[in-house]
N, C-alpha and C. Protein backbone atom coordinates (compact mmCIF):
# COMPACT_ATOMS: atom_id res chain seq x y z
N MET A 1 -56.91 -67.82 -52.66
CA MET A 1 -55.94 -67.95 -51.61
C MET A 1 -56.60 -68.66 -50.43
N CYS A 2 -55.89 -69.56 -49.80
CA CYS A 2 -56.42 -70.22 -48.62
C CYS A 2 -55.52 -69.93 -47.43
N LEU A 3 -56.08 -70.06 -46.25
CA LEU A 3 -55.35 -69.80 -45.03
C LEU A 3 -55.31 -71.07 -44.21
N GLY A 4 -54.11 -71.56 -43.95
CA GLY A 4 -53.93 -72.71 -43.08
C GLY A 4 -53.61 -72.22 -41.68
N ILE A 5 -54.32 -72.75 -40.71
CA ILE A 5 -54.14 -72.35 -39.32
C ILE A 5 -53.36 -73.45 -38.60
N PRO A 6 -52.30 -73.09 -37.86
CA PRO A 6 -51.56 -74.11 -37.12
C PRO A 6 -52.36 -74.63 -35.94
N ALA A 7 -52.25 -75.92 -35.72
CA ALA A 7 -52.93 -76.56 -34.60
C ALA A 7 -52.07 -77.70 -34.07
N LYS A 8 -52.22 -77.99 -32.79
CA LYS A 8 -51.47 -79.07 -32.16
C LYS A 8 -52.39 -80.28 -31.98
N ILE A 9 -51.94 -81.43 -32.44
CA ILE A 9 -52.73 -82.66 -32.31
C ILE A 9 -52.69 -83.12 -30.86
N ILE A 10 -53.88 -83.32 -30.27
CA ILE A 10 -53.95 -83.72 -28.86
C ILE A 10 -54.56 -85.11 -28.66
N GLN A 11 -55.21 -85.63 -29.70
CA GLN A 11 -55.80 -86.97 -29.60
C GLN A 11 -56.02 -87.49 -31.01
N ILE A 12 -55.80 -88.79 -31.20
CA ILE A 12 -56.00 -89.40 -32.51
C ILE A 12 -56.99 -90.55 -32.37
N GLU A 13 -57.99 -90.56 -33.27
CA GLU A 13 -59.02 -91.60 -33.29
C GLU A 13 -59.22 -92.05 -34.73
N GLY A 14 -58.43 -93.02 -35.16
CA GLY A 14 -58.53 -93.50 -36.54
C GLY A 14 -58.06 -92.46 -37.53
N GLU A 15 -58.96 -92.07 -38.45
CA GLU A 15 -58.62 -91.09 -39.48
C GLU A 15 -58.95 -89.65 -39.07
N PHE A 16 -59.27 -89.47 -37.79
CA PHE A 16 -59.60 -88.15 -37.29
C PHE A 16 -58.79 -87.86 -36.03
N ALA A 17 -58.65 -86.58 -35.74
CA ALA A 17 -57.90 -86.17 -34.55
C ALA A 17 -58.59 -84.98 -33.92
N LYS A 18 -58.31 -84.80 -32.64
CA LYS A 18 -58.69 -83.58 -31.96
C LYS A 18 -57.44 -82.71 -31.95
N ALA A 19 -57.64 -81.44 -32.29
CA ALA A 19 -56.52 -80.52 -32.36
C ALA A 19 -56.85 -79.27 -31.55
N ASN A 20 -55.82 -78.68 -30.98
CA ASN A 20 -55.97 -77.47 -30.20
C ASN A 20 -55.55 -76.27 -31.05
N ILE A 21 -56.47 -75.32 -31.17
CA ILE A 21 -56.18 -74.06 -31.86
C ILE A 21 -56.48 -72.94 -30.87
N ASN A 22 -55.44 -72.34 -30.36
CA ASN A 22 -55.60 -71.19 -29.46
C ASN A 22 -56.55 -71.48 -28.30
N GLY A 23 -56.47 -72.67 -27.73
CA GLY A 23 -57.31 -73.03 -26.60
C GLY A 23 -58.62 -73.72 -26.96
N ALA A 24 -58.99 -73.70 -28.22
CA ALA A 24 -60.21 -74.36 -28.68
C ALA A 24 -59.87 -75.74 -29.24
N THR A 25 -60.70 -76.72 -28.96
CA THR A 25 -60.49 -78.06 -29.49
C THR A 25 -61.44 -78.29 -30.66
N ILE A 26 -60.86 -78.73 -31.78
CA ILE A 26 -61.66 -79.01 -32.96
C ILE A 26 -61.36 -80.42 -33.46
N ASN A 27 -62.27 -80.98 -34.23
CA ASN A 27 -62.07 -82.27 -34.88
C ASN A 27 -61.54 -82.01 -36.29
N VAL A 28 -60.50 -82.74 -36.67
CA VAL A 28 -59.92 -82.58 -38.01
C VAL A 28 -59.66 -83.93 -38.65
N GLY A 29 -59.78 -83.96 -39.95
CA GLY A 29 -59.43 -85.16 -40.71
C GLY A 29 -57.92 -85.21 -40.90
N ILE A 30 -57.35 -86.38 -40.68
CA ILE A 30 -55.90 -86.53 -40.87
C ILE A 30 -55.59 -87.53 -41.99
N GLN A 31 -56.59 -87.82 -42.83
CA GLN A 31 -56.44 -88.81 -43.89
C GLN A 31 -55.39 -88.41 -44.92
N LEU A 32 -55.09 -87.13 -45.05
CA LEU A 32 -54.18 -86.66 -46.09
C LEU A 32 -52.71 -86.75 -45.68
N LEU A 33 -52.46 -87.09 -44.42
CA LEU A 33 -51.09 -87.13 -43.92
C LEU A 33 -50.74 -88.50 -43.34
N GLU A 34 -49.46 -88.80 -43.36
CA GLU A 34 -48.97 -90.04 -42.75
C GLU A 34 -48.12 -89.68 -41.53
N ASP A 35 -48.01 -90.62 -40.64
CA ASP A 35 -47.12 -90.48 -39.48
C ASP A 35 -47.45 -89.29 -38.59
N ILE A 36 -48.72 -89.04 -38.35
CA ILE A 36 -49.13 -87.98 -37.43
C ILE A 36 -49.18 -88.57 -36.02
N CYS A 37 -48.60 -87.85 -35.07
CA CYS A 37 -48.56 -88.30 -33.68
C CYS A 37 -49.11 -87.21 -32.77
N ILE A 38 -49.55 -87.60 -31.60
CA ILE A 38 -49.97 -86.64 -30.60
C ILE A 38 -48.79 -85.72 -30.30
N GLY A 39 -49.06 -84.43 -30.28
CA GLY A 39 -48.02 -83.43 -30.05
C GLY A 39 -47.51 -82.78 -31.32
N ASP A 40 -47.82 -83.38 -32.49
CA ASP A 40 -47.40 -82.79 -33.76
C ASP A 40 -48.21 -81.52 -34.03
N TYR A 41 -47.59 -80.60 -34.76
CA TYR A 41 -48.27 -79.41 -35.25
C TYR A 41 -48.58 -79.61 -36.73
N VAL A 42 -49.79 -79.21 -37.11
CA VAL A 42 -50.22 -79.34 -38.50
C VAL A 42 -50.91 -78.06 -38.94
N LEU A 43 -50.98 -77.85 -40.24
CA LEU A 43 -51.77 -76.75 -40.79
C LEU A 43 -53.16 -77.28 -41.10
N ILE A 44 -54.18 -76.59 -40.62
CA ILE A 44 -55.57 -76.99 -40.81
C ILE A 44 -56.24 -76.04 -41.80
N HIS A 45 -56.95 -76.63 -42.75
CA HIS A 45 -57.76 -75.84 -43.68
C HIS A 45 -59.01 -76.64 -43.99
N THR A 46 -60.15 -76.03 -43.87
CA THR A 46 -61.47 -76.62 -44.12
C THR A 46 -61.65 -77.96 -43.42
N GLY A 47 -61.13 -78.06 -42.20
CA GLY A 47 -61.36 -79.25 -41.39
C GLY A 47 -60.38 -80.39 -41.63
N TYR A 48 -59.36 -80.17 -42.43
CA TYR A 48 -58.38 -81.22 -42.71
C TYR A 48 -56.97 -80.74 -42.41
N ALA A 49 -56.17 -81.64 -41.87
CA ALA A 49 -54.75 -81.36 -41.69
C ALA A 49 -54.08 -81.54 -43.05
N LEU A 50 -53.45 -80.48 -43.53
CA LEU A 50 -52.86 -80.52 -44.87
C LEU A 50 -51.36 -80.75 -44.87
N GLU A 51 -50.70 -80.35 -43.79
CA GLU A 51 -49.24 -80.43 -43.77
C GLU A 51 -48.75 -80.45 -42.32
N LYS A 52 -47.76 -81.28 -42.04
CA LYS A 52 -47.12 -81.26 -40.74
C LYS A 52 -46.07 -80.15 -40.76
N ILE A 53 -46.01 -79.36 -39.67
CA ILE A 53 -45.03 -78.28 -39.59
C ILE A 53 -44.27 -78.38 -38.27
N SER A 54 -43.17 -77.68 -38.21
CA SER A 54 -42.36 -77.70 -36.99
C SER A 54 -43.06 -76.88 -35.90
N GLU A 55 -42.74 -77.19 -34.65
CA GLU A 55 -43.28 -76.43 -33.54
C GLU A 55 -42.85 -74.97 -33.64
N GLU A 56 -41.61 -74.74 -34.05
CA GLU A 56 -41.10 -73.38 -34.20
C GLU A 56 -41.93 -72.59 -35.20
N ASP A 57 -42.20 -73.18 -36.36
CA ASP A 57 -43.01 -72.49 -37.38
C ASP A 57 -44.44 -72.25 -36.89
N ALA A 58 -44.99 -73.24 -36.20
CA ALA A 58 -46.36 -73.10 -35.69
C ALA A 58 -46.45 -71.96 -34.68
N LEU A 59 -45.52 -71.91 -33.74
CA LEU A 59 -45.55 -70.88 -32.71
C LEU A 59 -45.31 -69.49 -33.29
N GLU A 60 -44.44 -69.39 -34.29
CA GLU A 60 -44.20 -68.11 -34.95
C GLU A 60 -45.45 -67.63 -35.68
N THR A 61 -46.15 -68.55 -36.35
CA THR A 61 -47.38 -68.19 -37.06
C THR A 61 -48.47 -67.77 -36.08
N ILE A 62 -48.60 -68.50 -34.98
CA ILE A 62 -49.59 -68.15 -33.95
C ILE A 62 -49.29 -66.77 -33.40
N LYS A 63 -48.03 -66.47 -33.14
CA LYS A 63 -47.63 -65.15 -32.64
C LYS A 63 -48.03 -64.07 -33.64
N THR A 64 -47.76 -64.29 -34.90
CA THR A 64 -48.11 -63.31 -35.94
C THR A 64 -49.63 -63.10 -36.02
N LEU A 65 -50.40 -64.20 -35.94
CA LEU A 65 -51.86 -64.08 -35.98
C LEU A 65 -52.38 -63.29 -34.79
N ARG A 66 -51.79 -63.50 -33.61
CA ARG A 66 -52.21 -62.74 -32.43
C ARG A 66 -51.89 -61.25 -32.59
N GLU A 67 -50.73 -60.95 -33.16
CA GLU A 67 -50.36 -59.55 -33.39
C GLU A 67 -51.33 -58.89 -34.36
N LEU A 68 -51.73 -59.62 -35.40
CA LEU A 68 -52.71 -59.08 -36.35
C LEU A 68 -54.06 -58.84 -35.67
N GLU A 69 -54.45 -59.75 -34.79
CA GLU A 69 -55.71 -59.59 -34.07
C GLU A 69 -55.65 -58.35 -33.16
N GLU A 70 -54.54 -58.18 -32.46
CA GLU A 70 -54.38 -57.00 -31.61
C GLU A 70 -54.42 -55.72 -32.45
N PHE A 71 -53.74 -55.73 -33.58
CA PHE A 71 -53.74 -54.56 -34.47
C PHE A 71 -55.15 -54.24 -34.95
N ASN A 72 -55.88 -55.27 -35.34
CA ASN A 72 -57.27 -55.10 -35.80
C ASN A 72 -58.13 -54.48 -34.69
N ASN A 73 -57.98 -55.01 -33.49
CA ASN A 73 -58.77 -54.49 -32.37
C ASN A 73 -58.43 -53.03 -32.08
N GLN A 74 -57.17 -52.67 -32.16
CA GLN A 74 -56.76 -51.29 -31.95
C GLN A 74 -57.29 -50.39 -33.06
N SER A 75 -57.28 -50.88 -34.29
CA SER A 75 -57.76 -50.08 -35.42
C SER A 75 -59.23 -49.76 -35.27
N TYR A 76 -60.03 -50.74 -34.84
CA TYR A 76 -61.46 -50.51 -34.67
C TYR A 76 -61.72 -49.53 -33.54
N LEU A 77 -60.95 -49.65 -32.47
CA LEU A 77 -61.14 -48.75 -31.34
C LEU A 77 -60.79 -47.31 -31.69
N SER A 78 -59.78 -47.14 -32.52
CA SER A 78 -59.36 -45.78 -32.86
C SER A 78 -60.33 -45.07 -33.80
N GLU A 79 -61.23 -45.82 -34.44
CA GLU A 79 -62.21 -45.22 -35.35
C GLU A 79 -63.42 -44.64 -34.62
N GLU A 80 -63.59 -45.00 -33.35
CA GLU A 80 -64.78 -44.55 -32.62
C GLU A 80 -64.65 -43.13 -32.14
């Protein structure tokens, strides 16, 4: 199983782009996709953009990931 993380494209330089993931900027390969523009949301896995997704889907996934992170943090705290 693989996990694709949503990211927003903020800069494009040839076959690579800078993408924002939760405030962090990473470099990603965009060779596997066509018609990528600044502002698009994509799923990132192992440093490559695999699929363009809607902003709505990206924001919903980000919300779910944050909820899981909060749950994890609460679970660890309750074990102490």
